[in-house]
Amino acid sequence: MKFAEVGDIIEFKNGLRGLVEKVNENSVIVDLTIMPNYRDLDLEEKTVVNHKRYKIIKSKDDSE
């Protein structure tokens, strides 16, 4: 499995998406405020996600 890198967008836990801010040994720290419906979901701004529990949606290296 390829681990996410800083700047990647990942998806986890039933469709939540976040921007990877830090990569740890077993997890990543993501910023959830990139989601358009962030305020409606009543979530914290950041969360920790285990490497086994996400998929990379957009790599920071992908061109638009």
C-alpha atoms as a PDB file:
ATOM      1  CA  MET A   1       0.000   0.000   0.000  1.00  0.00           C
ATOM      2  CA  LYS A   2       1.260   3.445  -0.912  1.00  0.00           C
ATOM      3  CA  PHE A   3       1.127   5.885   1.980  1.00  0.00           C
ATOM      4  CA  ALA A   4      -0.228   9.379   1.481  1.00  0.00           C
ATOM      5  CA  GLU A   5       2.157  12.320   1.414  1.00  0.00           C
ATOM      6  CA  VAL A   6       1.788  15.892   2.644  1.00  0.00           C
ATOM      7  CA  GLY A   7      -0.497  17.719   0.216  1.00  0.00           C
ATOM      8  CA  ASP A   8      -2.488  14.641  -0.881  1.00  0.00           C
ATOM      9  CA  ILE A   9      -6.256  14.466  -0.505  1.00  0.00           C
ATOM     10  CA  ILE A  10      -7.537  11.277   1.077  1.00  0.00           C
ATOM     11  CA  GLU A  11     -10.960   9.745   1.644  1.00  0.00           C
ATOM     12  CA  PHE A  12     -11.892   7.767   4.735  1.00  0.00           C
ATOM     13  CA  LYS A  13     -14.792   6.774   6.988  1.00  0.00           C
ATOM     14  CA  ASN A  14     -17.840   6.858   4.698  1.00  0.00           C
ATOM     15  CA  GLY A  15     -16.751   9.603   2.335  1.00  0.00           C
ATOM     16  CA  LEU A  16     -15.014  12.136   4.552  1.00  0.00           C
ATOM     17  CA  ARG A  17     -12.134  13.861   2.768  1.00  0.00           C
ATOM     18  CA  GLY A  18      -9.138  15.709   4.067  1.00  0.00           C
ATOM     19  CA  LEU A  19      -5.858  17.308   3.079  1.00  0.00           C
ATOM     20  CA  VAL A  20      -2.816  15.524   4.518  1.00  0.00           C
ATOM     21  CA  GLU A  21      -0.787  17.902   6.682  1.00  0.00           C
ATOM     22  CA  LYS A  22       1.597  15.486   8.405  1.00  0.00           C
ATOM     23  CA  VAL A  23       2.642  11.882   7.878  1.00  0.00           C
ATOM     24  CA  ASN A  24       3.444   9.788  10.948  1.00  0.00           C
ATOM     25  CA  GLU A  25       4.712   6.216  11.177  1.00  0.00           C
ATOM     26  CA  ASN A  26       1.241   4.647  11.441  1.00  0.00           C
ATOM     27  CA  SER A  27      -1.095   7.490  10.505  1.00  0.00           C
ATOM     28  CA  VAL A  28      -1.630  10.846   8.857  1.00  0.00           C
ATOM     29  CA  ILE A  29      -3.022  14.095  10.223  1.00  0.00           C
ATOM     30  CA  VAL A  30      -5.608  15.625   7.903  1.00  0.00           C
ATOM     31  CA  ASP A  31      -7.351  18.983   7.608  1.00  0.00           C
ATOM     32  CA  LEU A  32     -11.085  18.434   7.099  1.00  0.00           C
ATOM     33  CA  THR A  33     -11.946  22.062   6.325  1.00  0.00           C
ATOM     34  CA  ILE A  34     -11.420  21.452   2.578  1.00  0.00           C
ATOM     35  CA  MET A  35     -14.823  19.740   2.376  1.00  0.00           C
ATOM     36  CA  PRO A  36     -17.576  22.061   1.118  1.00  0.00           C
ATOM     37  CA  ASN A  37     -20.001  20.767   3.782  1.00  0.00           C
ATOM     38  CA  TYR A  38     -17.450  20.877   6.630  1.00  0.00           C
ATOM     39  CA  ARG A  39     -19.429  23.351   8.771  1.00  0.00           C
ATOM     40  CA  ASP A  40     -22.616  21.278   8.462  1.00  0.00           C
ATOM     41  CA  LEU A  41     -20.915  18.121   9.764  1.00  0.00           C
ATOM     42  CA  ASP A  42     -19.953  19.512  13.191  1.00  0.00           C
ATOM     43  CA  LEU A  43     -16.445  18.003  13.102  1.00  0.00           C
ATOM     44  CA  GLU A  44     -13.088  19.078  14.480  1.00  0.00           C
ATOM     45  CA  GLU A  45     -10.819  20.850  11.973  1.00  0.00           C
ATOM     46  CA  LYS A  46      -8.200  18.095  12.025  1.00  0.00           C
ATOM     47  CA  THR A  47      -8.166  14.377  12.680  1.00  0.00           C
ATOM     48  CA  VAL A  48      -5.801  11.414  12.672  1.00  0.00           C
ATOM     49  CA  VAL A  49      -6.346   8.549  10.228  1.00  0.00           C
ATOM     50  CA  ASN A  50      -4.509   5.220  10.272  1.00  0.00           C
ATOM     51  CA  HIS A  51      -2.709   4.304   7.045  1.00  0.00           C
ATOM     52  CA  LYS A  52      -4.921   1.216   6.725  1.00  0.00           C
ATOM     53  CA  ARG A  53      -8.136   3.253   6.771  1.00  0.00           C
ATOM     54  CA  TYR A  54      -7.919   5.668   3.839  1.00  0.00           C
ATOM     55  CA  LYS A  55      -7.477   5.806   0.105  1.00  0.00           C
ATOM     56  CA  ILE A  56      -5.681   8.530  -1.814  1.00  0.00           C
ATOM     57  CA  ILE A  57      -8.140  10.524  -3.922  1.00  0.00           C
ATOM     58  CA  LYS A  58      -5.726  13.066  -5.373  1.00  0.00           C
ATOM     59  CA  SER A  59      -1.971  13.071  -5.128  1.00  0.00           C
ATOM     60  CA  LYS A  60      -0.213  16.391  -4.681  1.00  0.00           C
ATOM     61  CA  ASP A  61       1.742  15.469  -7.818  1.00  0.00           C
ATOM     62  CA  ASP A  62      -1.382  15.079  -9.999  1.00  0.00           C
ATOM     63  CA  SER A  63      -1.777  17.824 -12.545  1.00  0.00           C
ATOM     64  CA  GLU A  64      -5.181  19.371 -12.982  1.00  0.00           C
END
